[in-house]
Amino acid sequence: MNDDYRAEVASSPWPGSCVKQRVVVTDLVLSQLSDPFRIGLIVALVVTMRRTASVTGRFIPLVLGVVFVAVMLPATMPNATSSSVDAILAGLVSNSIILAAVLACVQVIARVRR
């Protein structure tokens, strides 16, 4: 008998039942880092922050935007393989990484323009 089949049978309460399998958080973060919609939202967040920085500041809009994107995407596009809490926490990590990369690119572009 196949070991994979035994593990599958042991993880489901009865044969043929639909049980959510846990996704490793690192796999979830890596999949979110390559999501073009998430990257586009973070880029738009940085562009908006730069245009309105004199009125709203920089830090608070960025933090609120990262949290908003991290909560909005799992809420509107649920993933059957992971829980919402795991997806939101992984979203906070991946959004922060994307934000750091976008801010670094913006700084490089600003220095080249001078």
PDB file of N, CA and C in Angstrom:
ATOM      1  N   MET A   1       0.846  -1.180   0.000  1.00  0.00           N
ATOM      2  CA  MET A   1       0.000   0.000   0.000  1.00  0.00           C
ATOM      3  C   MET A   1       0.888   1.239   0.000  1.00  0.00           C
ATOM      4  N   ASN A   2       0.477   2.240  -0.684  1.00  0.00           N
ATOM      5  CA  ASN A   2       1.239   3.477  -0.833  1.00  0.00           C
ATOM      6  C   ASN A   2       1.179   4.310   0.449  1.00  0.00           C
ATOM      7  N   ASP A   3       2.321   4.865   0.861  1.00  0.00           N
ATOM      8  CA  ASP A   3       2.371   5.683   2.071  1.00  0.00           C
ATOM      9  C   ASP A   3       1.557   6.962   1.919  1.00  0.00           C
ATOM     10  N   ASP A   4       1.547   7.532   0.706  1.00  0.00           N
ATOM     11  CA  ASP A   4       0.768   8.746   0.480  1.00  0.00           C
ATOM     12  C   ASP A   4      -0.724   8.487   0.686  1.00  0.00           C
ATOM     13  N   TYR A   5      -1.182   7.323   0.239  1.00  0.00           N
ATOM     14  CA  TYR A   5      -2.588   6.991   0.404  1.00  0.00           C
ATOM     15  C   TYR A   5      -2.926   6.841   1.880  1.00  0.00           C
ATOM     16  N   ARG A   6      -2.029   6.211   2.650  1.00  0.00           N
ATOM     17  CA  ARG A   6      -2.256   6.056   4.090  1.00  0.00           C
ATOM     18  C   ARG A   6      -2.324   7.413   4.780  1.00  0.00           C
ATOM     19  N   ALA A   7      -1.451   8.326   4.393  1.00  0.00           N
ATOM     20  CA  ALA A   7      -1.459   9.661   5.003  1.00  0.00           C
ATOM     21  C   ALA A   7      -2.737  10.403   4.647  1.00  0.00           C
ATOM     22  N   GLU A   8      -3.203  10.222   3.409  1.00  0.00           N
ATOM     23  CA  GLU A   8      -4.432  10.890   2.996  1.00  0.00           C
ATOM     24  C   GLU A   8      -5.633  10.335   3.746  1.00  0.00           C
ATOM     25  N   VAL A   9      -5.689   9.033   3.911  1.00  0.00           N
ATOM     26  CA  VAL A   9      -6.796   8.411   4.623  1.00  0.00           C
ATOM     27  C   VAL A   9      -6.762   8.814   6.092  1.00  0.00           C
ATOM     28  N   ALA A  10      -5.558   8.887   6.671  1.00  0.00           N
ATOM     29  CA  ALA A  10      -5.440   9.239   8.082  1.00  0.00           C
ATOM     30  C   ALA A  10      -5.827  10.698   8.331  1.00  0.00           C
ATOM     31  N   SER A  11      -5.629  11.566   7.331  1.00  0.00           N
ATOM     32  CA  SER A  11      -5.923  12.983   7.536  1.00  0.00           C
ATOM     33  C   SER A  11      -7.390  13.322   7.310  1.00  0.00           C
ATOM     34  N   SER A  12      -8.137  12.472   6.639  1.00  0.00           N
ATOM     35  CA  SER A  12      -9.552  12.773   6.401  1.00  0.00           C
ATOM     36  C   SER A  12     -10.424  11.950   7.349  1.00  0.00           C
ATOM     37  N   PRO A  13     -11.496  12.549   7.864  1.00  0.00           N
ATOM     38  CA  PRO A  13     -12.338  11.838   8.802  1.00  0.00           C
ATOM     39  C   PRO A  13     -13.062  10.656   8.172  1.00  0.00           C
ATOM     40  N   TRP A  14     -13.393  10.714   6.899  1.00  0.00           N
ATOM     41  CA  TRP A  14     -13.990   9.599   6.191  1.00  0.00           C
ATOM     42  C   TRP A  14     -13.567   9.685   4.733  1.00  0.00           C
ATOM     43  N   PRO A  15     -13.553   8.567   4.027  1.00  0.00           N
ATOM     44  CA  PRO A  15     -13.097   8.584   2.630  1.00  0.00           C
ATOM     45  C   PRO A  15     -13.954   9.507   1.770  1.00  0.00           C
ATOM     46  N   GLY A  16     -13.284  10.297   0.967  1.00  0.00           N
ATOM     47  CA  GLY A  16     -13.967  11.202   0.059  1.00  0.00           C
ATOM     48  C   GLY A  16     -14.350  12.533   0.678  1.00  0.00           C
ATOM     49  N   SER A  17     -14.051  12.724   1.941  1.00  0.00           N
ATOM     50  CA  SER A  17     -14.410  13.998   2.566  1.00  0.00           C
ATOM     51  C   SER A  17     -13.453  15.084   2.115  1.00  0.00           C
ATOM     52  N   CYS A  18     -13.917  16.293   2.194  1.00  0.00           N
ATOM     53  CA  CYS A  18     -13.114  17.434   1.766  1.00  0.00           C
ATOM     54  C   CYS A  18     -12.537  18.104   3.010  1.00  0.00           C
ATOM     55  N   VAL A  19     -11.272  17.891   3.262  1.00  0.00           N
ATOM     56  CA  VAL A  19     -10.599  18.464   4.424  1.00  0.00           C
ATOM     57  C   VAL A  19      -9.549  19.436   3.930  1.00  0.00           C
ATOM     58  N   LYS A  20      -9.497  20.624   4.539  1.00  0.00           N
ATOM     59  CA  LYS A  20      -8.486  21.596   4.155  1.00  0.00           C
ATOM     60  C   LYS A  20      -7.106  21.086   4.553  1.00  0.00           C
ATOM     61  N   GLN A  21      -6.210  21.041   3.611  1.00  0.00           N
ATOM     62  CA  GLN A  21      -4.835  20.680   3.893  1.00  0.00           C
ATOM     63  C   GLN A  21      -4.072  21.948   4.235  1.00  0.00           C
ATOM     64  N   ARG A  22      -3.231  21.892   5.246  1.00  0.00           N
ATOM     65  CA  ARG A  22      -2.458  23.055   5.656  1.00  0.00           C
ATOM     66  C   ARG A  22      -1.350  23.326   4.644  1.00  0.00           C
ATOM     67  N   VAL A  23      -1.178  24.590   4.326  1.00  0.00           N
ATOM     68  CA  VAL A  23      -0.124  25.012   3.421  1.00  0.00           C
ATOM     69  C   VAL A  23       1.014  25.558   4.269  1.00  0.00           C
ATOM     70  N   VAL A  24       2.222  25.242   3.892  1.00  0.00           N
ATOM     71  CA  VAL A  24       3.373  25.771   4.601  1.00  0.00           C
ATOM     72  C   VAL A  24       3.412  27.276   4.370  1.00  0.00           C
ATOM     73  N   VAL A  25       3.653  28.037   5.443  1.00  0.00           N
ATOM     74  CA  VAL A  25       3.580  29.499   5.372  1.00  0.00           C
ATOM     75  C   VAL A  25       4.620  30.048   4.396  1.00  0.00           C
ATOM     76  N   THR A  26       5.789  29.433   4.319  1.00  0.00           N
ATOM     77  CA  THR A  26       6.797  29.926   3.380  1.00  0.00           C
ATOM     78  C   THR A  26       6.323  29.776   1.934  1.00  0.00           C
ATOM     79  N   ASP A  27       5.608  28.690   1.639  1.00  0.00           N
ATOM     80  CA  ASP A  27       5.051  28.536   0.289  1.00  0.00           C
ATOM     81  C   ASP A  27       4.004  29.610   0.009  1.00  0.00           C
ATOM     82  N   LEU A  28       3.230  29.930   1.019  1.00  0.00           N
ATOM     83  CA  LEU A  28       2.212  30.964   0.869  1.00  0.00           C
ATOM     84  C   LEU A  28       2.843  32.338   0.626  1.00  0.00           C
ATOM     85  N   VAL A  29       3.893  32.656   1.374  1.00  0.00           N
ATOM     86  CA  VAL A  29       4.595  33.939   1.191  1.00  0.00           C
ATOM     87  C   VAL A  29       5.220  33.994  -0.193  1.00  0.00           C
ATOM     88  N   LEU A  30       5.860  32.918  -0.622  1.00  0.00           N
ATOM     89  CA  LEU A  30       6.492  32.916  -1.945  1.00  0.00           C
ATOM     90  C   LEU A  30       5.459  33.060  -3.060  1.00  0.00           C
ATOM     91  N   SER A  31       4.298  32.444  -2.906  1.00  0.00           N
ATOM     92  CA  SER A  31       3.272  32.604  -3.940  1.00  0.00           C
ATOM     93  C   SER A  31       2.717  34.020  -3.952  1.00  0.00           C
ATOM     94  N   GLN A  32       2.635  34.653  -2.781  1.00  0.00           N
ATOM     95  CA  GLN A  32       2.143  36.025  -2.731  1.00  0.00           C
ATOM     96  C   GLN A  32       3.175  37.020  -3.254  1.00  0.00           C
ATOM     97  N   LEU A  33       4.452  36.708  -3.113  1.00  0.00           N
ATOM     98  CA  LEU A  33       5.487  37.598  -3.644  1.00  0.00           C
ATOM     99  C   LEU A  33       5.459  37.670  -5.159  1.00  0.00           C
ATOM    100  N   SER A  34       4.954  36.634  -5.801  1.00  0.00           N
ATOM    101  CA  SER A  34       4.914  36.629  -7.263  1.00  0.00           C
ATOM    102  C   SER A  34       3.541  37.011  -7.816  1.00  0.00           C
ATOM    103  N   ASP A  35       2.642  37.464  -6.972  1.00  0.00           N
ATOM    104  CA  ASP A  35       1.303  37.865  -7.397  1.00  0.00           C
ATOM    105  C   ASP A  35       1.364  39.254  -8.039  1.00  0.00           C
ATOM    106  N   PRO A  36       1.104  39.373  -9.340  1.00  0.00           N
ATOM    107  CA  PRO A  36       1.213  40.674 -10.001  1.00  0.00           C
ATOM    108  C   PRO A  36       0.181  41.691  -9.512  1.00  0.00           C
ATOM    109  N   PHE A  37      -0.990  41.242  -9.105  1.00  0.00           N
ATOM    110  CA  PHE A  37      -2.006  42.159  -8.605  1.00  0.00           C
ATOM    111  C   PHE A  37      -1.553  42.798  -7.295  1.00  0.00           C
ATOM    112  N   ARG A  38      -0.964  42.000  -6.415  1.00  0.00           N
ATOM    113  CA  ARG A  38      -0.449  42.500  -5.135  1.00  0.00           C
ATOM    114  C   ARG A  38       0.694  43.491  -5.375  1.00  0.00           C
ATOM    115  N   ILE A  39       1.581  43.166  -6.287  1.00  0.00           N
ATOM    116  CA  ILE A  39       2.711  44.055  -6.607  1.00  0.00           C
ATOM    117  C   ILE A  39       2.185  45.372  -7.170  1.00  0.00           C
ATOM    118  N   GLY A  40       1.209  45.296  -8.052  1.00  0.00           N
ATOM    119  CA  GLY A  40       0.625  46.514  -8.620  1.00  0.00           C
ATOM    120  C   GLY A  40      -0.040  47.384  -7.571  1.00  0.00           C
ATOM    121  N   LEU A  41      -0.723  46.778  -6.611  1.00  0.00           N
ATOM    122  CA  LEU A  41      -1.346  47.559  -5.545  1.00  0.00           C
ATOM    123  C   LEU A  41      -0.305  48.249  -4.676  1.00  0.00           C
ATOM    124  N   ILE A  42       0.805  47.577  -4.392  1.00  0.00           N
ATOM    125  CA  ILE A  42       1.850  48.185  -3.568  1.00  0.00           C
ATOM    126  C   ILE A  42       2.539  49.313  -4.340  1.00  0.00           C
ATOM    127  N   VAL A  43       2.764  49.127  -5.633  1.00  0.00           N
ATOM    128  CA  VAL A  43       3.360  50.198  -6.446  1.00  0.00           C
ATOM    129  C   VAL A  43       2.424  51.405  -6.478  1.00  0.00           C
ATOM    130  N   ALA A  44       1.136  51.160  -6.659  1.00  0.00           N
ATOM    131  CA  ALA A  44       0.167  52.269  -6.655  1.00  0.00           C
ATOM    132  C   ALA A  44       0.117  52.951  -5.289  1.00  0.00           C
ATOM    133  N   LEU A  45       0.291  52.186  -4.227  1.00  0.00           N
ATOM    134  CA  LEU A  45       0.330  52.754  -2.885  1.00  0.00           C
ATOM    135  C   LEU A  45       1.513  53.700  -2.728  1.00  0.00           C
ATOM    136  N   VAL A  46       2.677  53.302  -3.237  1.00  0.00           N
ATOM    137  CA  VAL A  46       3.871  54.154  -3.126  1.00  0.00           C
ATOM    138  C   VAL A  46       3.721  55.408  -3.978  1.00  0.00           C
ATOM    139  N   VAL A  47       3.174  55.266  -5.171  1.00  0.00           N
ATOM    140  CA  VAL A  47       2.969  56.433  -6.034  1.00  0.00           C
ATOM    141  C   VAL A  47       2.010  57.419  -5.374  1.00  0.00           C
ATOM    142  N   THR A  48       0.931  56.912  -4.819  1.00  0.00           N
ATOM    143  CA  THR A  48      -0.027  57.775  -4.132  1.00  0.00           C
ATOM    144  C   THR A  48       0.590  58.431  -2.908  1.00  0.00           C
ATOM    145  N   MET A  49       1.383  57.682  -2.157  1.00  0.00           N
ATOM    146  CA  MET A  49       2.031  58.221  -0.964  1.00  0.00           C
ATOM    147  C   MET A  49       2.982  59.354  -1.334  1.00  0.00           C
ATOM    148  N   ARG A  50       3.715  59.192  -2.413  1.00  0.00           N
ATOM    149  CA  ARG A  50       4.660  60.245  -2.812  1.00  0.00           C
ATOM    150  C   ARG A  50       3.934  61.510  -3.241  1.00  0.00           C
ATOM    151  N   ARG A  51       2.778  61.364  -3.872  1.00  0.00           N
ATOM    152  CA  ARG A  51       2.035  62.548  -4.320  1.00  0.00           C
ATOM    153  C   ARG A  51       1.354  63.277  -3.175  1.00  0.00           C
ATOM    154  N   THR A  52       0.970  62.544  -2.131  1.00  0.00           N
ATOM    155  CA  THR A  52       0.227  63.157  -1.034  1.00  0.00           C
ATOM    156  C   THR A  52       1.044  63.244   0.255  1.00  0.00           C
ATOM    157  N   ALA A  53       2.351  63.075   0.174  1.00  0.00           N
ATOM    158  CA  ALA A  53       3.201  63.032   1.374  1.00  0.00           C
ATOM    159  C   ALA A  53       3.184  64.344   2.143  1.00  0.00           C
ATOM    160  N   SER A  54       3.043  65.461   1.456  1.00  0.00           N
ATOM    161  CA  SER A  54       3.054  66.747   2.157  1.00  0.00           C
ATOM    162  C   SER A  54       1.816  66.939   3.031  1.00  0.00           C
ATOM    163  N   VAL A  55       0.722  66.274   2.689  1.00  0.00           N
ATOM    164  CA  VAL A  55      -0.517  66.421   3.443  1.00  0.00           C
ATOM    165  C   VAL A  55      -0.696  65.296   4.467  1.00  0.00           C
ATOM    166  N   THR A  56      -0.455  64.067   4.052  1.00  0.00           N
ATOM    167  CA  THR A  56      -0.755  62.917   4.908  1.00  0.00           C
ATOM    168  C   THR A  56       0.460  62.316   5.589  1.00  0.00           C
ATOM    169  N   GLY A  57       1.648  62.672   5.145  1.00  0.00           N
ATOM    170  CA  GLY A  57       2.852  62.053   5.691  1.00  0.00           C
ATOM    171  C   GLY A  57       3.233  60.821   4.897  1.00  0.00           C
ATOM    172  N   ARG A  58       4.205  60.090   5.403  1.00  0.00           N
ATOM    173  CA  ARG A  58       4.688  58.921   4.676  1.00  0.00           C
ATOM    174  C   ARG A  58       4.439  57.615   5.403  1.00  0.00           C
ATOM    175  N   PHE A  59       4.740  57.550   6.675  1.00  0.00           N
ATOM    176  CA  PHE A  59       4.746  56.290   7.405  1.00  0.00           C
ATOM    177  C   PHE A  59       3.340  55.703   7.594  1.00  0.00           C
ATOM    178  N   ILE A  60       2.416  56.503   8.096  1.00  0.00           N
ATOM    179  CA  ILE A  60       1.077  55.989   8.406  1.00  0.00           C
ATOM    180  C   ILE A  60       0.334  55.520   7.147  1.00  0.00           C
ATOM    181  N   PRO A  61       0.353  56.268   6.026  1.00  0.00           N
ATOM    182  CA  PRO A  61      -0.317  55.747   4.828  1.00  0.00           C
ATOM    183  C   PRO A  61       0.293  54.442   4.307  1.00  0.00           C
ATOM    184  N   LEU A  62       1.616  54.307   4.417  1.00  0.00           N
ATOM    185  CA  LEU A  62       2.247  53.067   3.963  1.00  0.00           C
ATOM    186  C   LEU A  62       1.842  51.884   4.836  1.00  0.00           C
ATOM    187  N   VAL A  63       1.859  52.069   6.141  1.00  0.00           N
ATOM    188  CA  VAL A  63       1.487  50.981   7.050  1.00  0.00           C
ATOM    189  C   VAL A  63       0.030  50.585   6.850  1.00  0.00           C
ATOM    190  N   LEU A  64      -0.847  51.583   6.774  1.00  0.00           N
ATOM    191  CA  LEU A  64      -2.268  51.286   6.579  1.00  0.00           C
ATOM    192  C   LEU A  64      -2.530  50.642   5.217  1.00  0.00           C
ATOM    193  N   GLY A  65      -1.800  51.062   4.199  1.00  0.00           N
ATOM    194  CA  GLY A  65      -1.951  50.461   2.873  1.00  0.00           C
ATOM    195  C   GLY A  65      -1.496  49.019   2.842  1.00  0.00           C
ATOM    196  N   VAL A  66      -0.388  48.717   3.503  1.00  0.00           N
ATOM    197  CA  VAL A  66       0.117  47.335   3.560  1.00  0.00           C
ATOM    198  C   VAL A  66      -0.892  46.443   4.280  1.00  0.00           C
ATOM    199  N   VAL A  67      -1.443  46.925   5.383  1.00  0.00           N
ATOM    200  CA  VAL A  67      -2.440  46.137   6.127  1.00  0.00           C
ATOM    201  C   VAL A  67      -3.708  45.977   5.297  1.00  0.00           C
ATOM    202  N   PHE A  68      -4.128  47.036   4.608  1.00  0.00           N
ATOM    203  CA  PHE A  68      -5.331  46.968   3.786  1.00  0.00           C
ATOM    204  C   PHE A  68      -5.196  45.927   2.680  1.00  0.00           C
ATOM    205  N   VAL A  69      -4.081  45.930   1.978  1.00  0.00           N
ATOM    206  CA  VAL A  69      -3.867  44.961   0.896  1.00  0.00           C
ATOM    207  C   VAL A  69      -3.768  43.549   1.468  1.00  0.00           C
ATOM    208  N   ALA A  70      -3.119  43.396   2.621  1.00  0.00           N
ATOM    209  CA  ALA A  70      -2.967  42.075   3.227  1.00  0.00           C
ATOM    210  C   ALA A  70      -4.306  41.485   3.651  1.00  0.00           C
ATOM    211  N   VAL A  71      -5.255  42.326   4.041  1.00  0.00           N
ATOM    212  CA  VAL A  71      -6.568  41.836   4.464  1.00  0.00           C
ATOM    213  C   VAL A  71      -7.523  41.733   3.284  1.00  0.00           C
ATOM    214  N   MET A  72      -7.455  42.688   2.355  1.00  0.00           N
ATOM    215  CA  MET A  72      -8.404  42.741   1.250  1.00  0.00           C
ATOM    216  C   MET A  72      -8.278  41.549   0.300  1.00  0.00           C
ATOM    217  N   LEU A  73      -7.069  41.199  -0.087  1.00  0.00           N
ATOM    218  CA  LEU A  73      -6.909  40.138  -1.078  1.00  0.00           C
ATOM    219  C   LEU A  73      -7.391  38.778  -0.582  1.00  0.00           C
ATOM    220  N   PRO A  74      -7.028  38.317   0.619  1.00  0.00           N
ATOM    221  CA  PRO A  74      -7.593  37.039   1.070  1.00  0.00           C
ATOM    222  C   PRO A  74      -9.100  37.088   1.313  1.00  0.00           C
ATOM    223  N   ALA A  75      -9.624  38.257   1.653  1.00  0.00           N
ATOM    224  CA  ALA A  75     -11.061  38.371   1.893  1.00  0.00           C
ATOM    225  C   ALA A  75     -11.859  38.308   0.590  1.00  0.00           C
ATOM    226  N   THR A  76     -11.303  38.865  -0.490  1.00  0.00           N
ATOM    227  CA  THR A  76     -12.039  38.878  -1.762  1.00  0.00           C
ATOM    228  C   THR A  76     -11.725  37.681  -2.645  1.00  0.00           C
ATOM    229  N   MET A  77     -10.538  37.094  -2.465  1.00  0.00           N
ATOM    230  CA  MET A  77     -10.158  35.916  -3.242  1.00  0.00           C
ATOM    231  C   MET A  77      -9.701  34.811  -2.295  1.00  0.00           C
ATOM    232  N   PRO A  78     -10.642  34.121  -1.635  1.00  0.00           N
ATOM    233  CA  PRO A  78     -10.250  33.119  -0.648  1.00  0.00           C
ATOM    234  C   PRO A  78      -9.540  31.936  -1.302  1.00  0.00           C
ATOM    235  N   ASN A  79      -8.601  31.374  -0.561  1.00  0.00           N
ATOM    236  CA  ASN A  79      -7.837  30.223  -1.011  1.00  0.00           C
ATOM    237  C   ASN A  79      -8.312  29.022  -0.216  1.00  0.00           C
ATOM    238  N   ALA A  80      -8.691  27.958  -0.900  1.00  0.00           N
ATOM    239  CA  ALA A  80      -9.240  26.788  -0.223  1.00  0.00           C
ATOM    240  C   ALA A  80      -8.189  26.001   0.544  1.00  0.00           C
ATOM    241  N   THR A  81      -6.915  26.251   0.266  1.00  0.00           N
ATOM    242  CA  THR A  81      -5.880  25.445   0.899  1.00  0.00           C
ATOM    243  C   THR A  81      -5.283  26.083   2.141  1.00  0.00           C
ATOM    244  N   SER A  82      -5.642  27.317   2.458  1.00  0.00           N
ATOM    245  CA  SER A  82      -5.078  27.958   3.641  1.00  0.00           C
ATOM    246  C   SER A  82      -6.157  28.735   4.376  1.00  0.00           C
ATOM    247  N   SER A  83      -5.933  28.932   5.657  1.00  0.00           N
ATOM    248  CA  SER A  83      -6.907  29.687   6.440  1.00  0.00           C
ATOM    249  C   SER A  83      -6.720  31.184   6.192  1.00  0.00           C
ATOM    250  N   SER A  84      -7.710  31.950   6.531  1.00  0.00           N
ATOM    251  CA  SER A  84      -7.648  33.397   6.318  1.00  0.00           C
ATOM    252  C   SER A  84      -6.568  34.043   7.175  1.00  0.00           C
ATOM    253  N   VAL A  85      -6.420  33.568   8.398  1.00  0.00           N
ATOM    254  CA  VAL A  85      -5.415  34.142   9.292  1.00  0.00           C
ATOM    255  C   VAL A  85      -4.010  33.903   8.744  1.00  0.00           C
ATOM    256  N   ASP A  86      -3.756  32.679   8.260  1.00  0.00           N
ATOM    257  CA  ASP A  86      -2.450  32.392   7.667  1.00  0.00           C
ATOM    258  C   ASP A  86      -2.204  33.251   6.434  1.00  0.00           C
ATOM    259  N   ALA A  87      -3.235  33.416   5.609  1.00  0.00           N
ATOM    260  CA  ALA A  87      -3.086  34.219   4.390  1.00  0.00           C
ATOM    261  C   ALA A  87      -2.843  35.686   4.725  1.00  0.00           C
ATOM    262  N   ILE A  88      -3.502  36.205   5.761  1.00  0.00           N
ATOM    263  CA  ILE A  88      -3.308  37.607   6.136  1.00  0.00           C
ATOM    264  C   ILE A  88      -1.911  37.820   6.718  1.00  0.00           C
ATOM    265  N   LEU A  89      -1.473  36.917   7.583  1.00  0.00           N
ATOM    266  CA  LEU A  89      -0.131  37.053   8.160  1.00  0.00           C
ATOM    267  C   LEU A  89       0.949  36.926   7.091  1.00  0.00           C
ATOM    268  N   ALA A  90       0.778  35.980   6.182  1.00  0.00           N
ATOM    269  CA  ALA A  90       1.730  35.852   5.082  1.00  0.00           C
ATOM    270  C   ALA A  90       1.665  37.078   4.179  1.00  0.00           C
ATOM    271  N   GLY A  91       0.478  37.656   4.020  1.00  0.00           N
ATOM    272  CA  GLY A  91       0.320  38.869   3.227  1.00  0.00           C
ATOM    273  C   GLY A  91       1.047  40.047   3.838  1.00  0.00           C
ATOM    274  N   LEU A  92       1.017  40.160   5.160  1.00  0.00           N
ATOM    275  CA  LEU A  92       1.759  41.241   5.819  1.00  0.00           C
ATOM    276  C   LEU A  92       3.254  41.111   5.565  1.00  0.00           C
ATOM    277  N   VAL A  93       3.751  39.888   5.626  1.00  0.00           N
ATOM    278  CA  VAL A  93       5.184  39.661   5.382  1.00  0.00           C
ATOM    279  C   VAL A  93       5.527  39.953   3.923  1.00  0.00           C
ATOM    280  N   SER A  94       4.754  39.390   3.008  1.00  0.00           N
ATOM    281  CA  SER A  94       5.070  39.578   1.584  1.00  0.00           C
ATOM    282  C   SER A  94       4.869  41.029   1.147  1.00  0.00           C
ATOM    283  N   ASN A  95       3.846  41.699   1.669  1.00  0.00           N
ATOM    284  CA  ASN A  95       3.647  43.113   1.333  1.00  0.00           C
ATOM    285  C   ASN A  95       4.799  43.968   1.833  1.00  0.00           C
ATOM    286  N   SER A  96       5.306  43.659   3.015  1.00  0.00           N
ATOM    287  CA  SER A  96       6.442  44.412   3.550  1.00  0.00           C
ATOM    288  C   SER A  96       7.685  44.223   2.694  1.00  0.00           C
ATOM    289  N   ILE A  97       7.898  43.005   2.223  1.00  0.00           N
ATOM    290  CA  ILE A  97       9.055  42.737   1.352  1.00  0.00           C
ATOM    291  C   ILE A  97       8.906  43.476   0.027  1.00  0.00           C
ATOM    292  N   ILE A  98       7.717  43.413  -0.553  1.00  0.00           N
ATOM    293  CA  ILE A  98       7.468  44.112  -1.822  1.00  0.00           C
ATOM    294  C   ILE A  98       7.609  45.617  -1.629  1.00  0.00           C
ATOM    295  N   LEU A  99       7.079  46.135  -0.517  1.00  0.00           N
ATOM    296  CA  LEU A  99       7.176  47.565  -0.242  1.00  0.00           C
ATOM    297  C   LEU A  99       8.629  48.000  -0.109  1.00  0.00           C
ATOM    298  N   ALA A 100       9.441  47.218   0.567  1.00  0.00           N
ATOM    299  CA  ALA A 100      10.860  47.553   0.706  1.00  0.00           C
ATOM    300  C   ALA A 100      11.552  47.593  -0.654  1.00  0.00           C
ATOM    301  N   ALA A 101      11.236  46.643  -1.514  1.00  0.00           N
ATOM    302  CA  ALA A 101      11.837  46.623  -2.851  1.00  0.00           C
ATOM    303  C   ALA A 101      11.380  47.814  -3.682  1.00  0.00           C
ATOM    304  N   VAL A 102      10.097  48.159  -3.614  1.00  0.00           N
ATOM    305  CA  VAL A 102       9.576  49.294  -4.386  1.00  0.00           C
ATOM    306  C   VAL A 102      10.162  50.601  -3.879  1.00  0.00           C
ATOM    307  N   LEU A 103      10.249  50.759  -2.556  1.00  0.00           N
ATOM    308  CA  LEU A 103      10.844  51.982  -2.010  1.00  0.00           C
ATOM    309  C   LEU A 103      12.318  52.099  -2.379  1.00  0.00           C
ATOM    310  N   ALA A 104      13.035  50.979  -2.425  1.00  0.00           N
ATOM    311  CA  ALA A 104      14.439  51.011  -2.849  1.00  0.00           C
ATOM    312  C   ALA A 104      14.544  51.433  -4.311  1.00  0.00           C
ATOM    313  N   CYS A 105      13.660  50.936  -5.161  1.00  0.00           N
ATOM    314  CA  CYS A 105      13.663  51.337  -6.574  1.00  0.00           C
ATOM    315  C   CYS A 105      13.337  52.819  -6.728  1.00  0.00           C
ATOM    316  N   VAL A 106      12.403  53.311  -5.927  1.00  0.00           N
ATOM    317  CA  VAL A 106      12.034  54.720  -5.992  1.00  0.00           C
ATOM    318  C   VAL A 106      13.238  55.586  -5.572  1.00  0.00           C
ATOM    319  N   GLN A 107      13.955  55.175  -4.545  1.00  0.00           N
ATOM    320  CA  GLN A 107      15.130  55.922  -4.103  1.00  0.00           C
ATOM    321  C   GLN A 107      16.211  55.924  -5.175  1.00  0.00           C
ATOM    322  N   VAL A 108      16.434  54.815  -5.835  1.00  0.00           N
ATOM    323  CA  VAL A 108      17.428  54.749  -6.921  1.00  0.00           C
ATOM    324  C   VAL A 108      17.031  55.665  -8.063  1.00  0.00           C
ATOM    325  N   ILE A 109      15.754  55.628  -8.435  1.00  0.00           N
ATOM    326  CA  ILE A 109      15.274  56.491  -9.517  1.00  0.00           C
ATOM    327  C   ILE A 109      15.411  57.958  -9.135  1.00  0.00           C
ATOM    328  N   ALA A 110      15.090  58.305  -7.893  1.00  0.00           N
ATOM    329  CA  ALA A 110      15.213  59.697  -7.459  1.00  0.00           C
ATOM    330  C   ALA A 110      16.671  60.161  -7.478  1.00  0.00           C
ATOM    331  N   ARG A 111      17.606  59.313  -7.117  1.00  0.00           N
ATOM    332  CA  ARG A 111      19.024  59.692  -7.134  1.00  0.00           C
ATOM    333  C   ARG A 111      19.556  59.813  -8.548  1.00  0.00           C
ATOM    334  N   VAL A 112      19.080  58.986  -9.450  1.00  0.00           N
ATOM    335  CA  VAL A 112      19.527  59.057 -10.840  1.00  0.00           C
ATOM    336  C   VAL A 112      19.010  60.334 -11.490  1.00  0.00           C
ATOM    337  N   ARG A 113      17.829  60.781 -11.132  1.00  0.00           N
ATOM    338  CA  ARG A 113      17.241  61.994 -11.710  1.00  0.00           C
ATOM    339  C   ARG A 113      17.951  63.259 -11.270  1.00  0.00           C
ATOM    340  N   ARG A 114      18.624  63.242 -10.125  1.00  0.00           N
ATOM    341  CA  ARG A 114      19.303  64.456  -9.624  1.00  0.00           C
ATOM    342  C   ARG A 114      20.520  64.750 -10.385  1.00  0.00           C
TER     343      ARG A 114
END
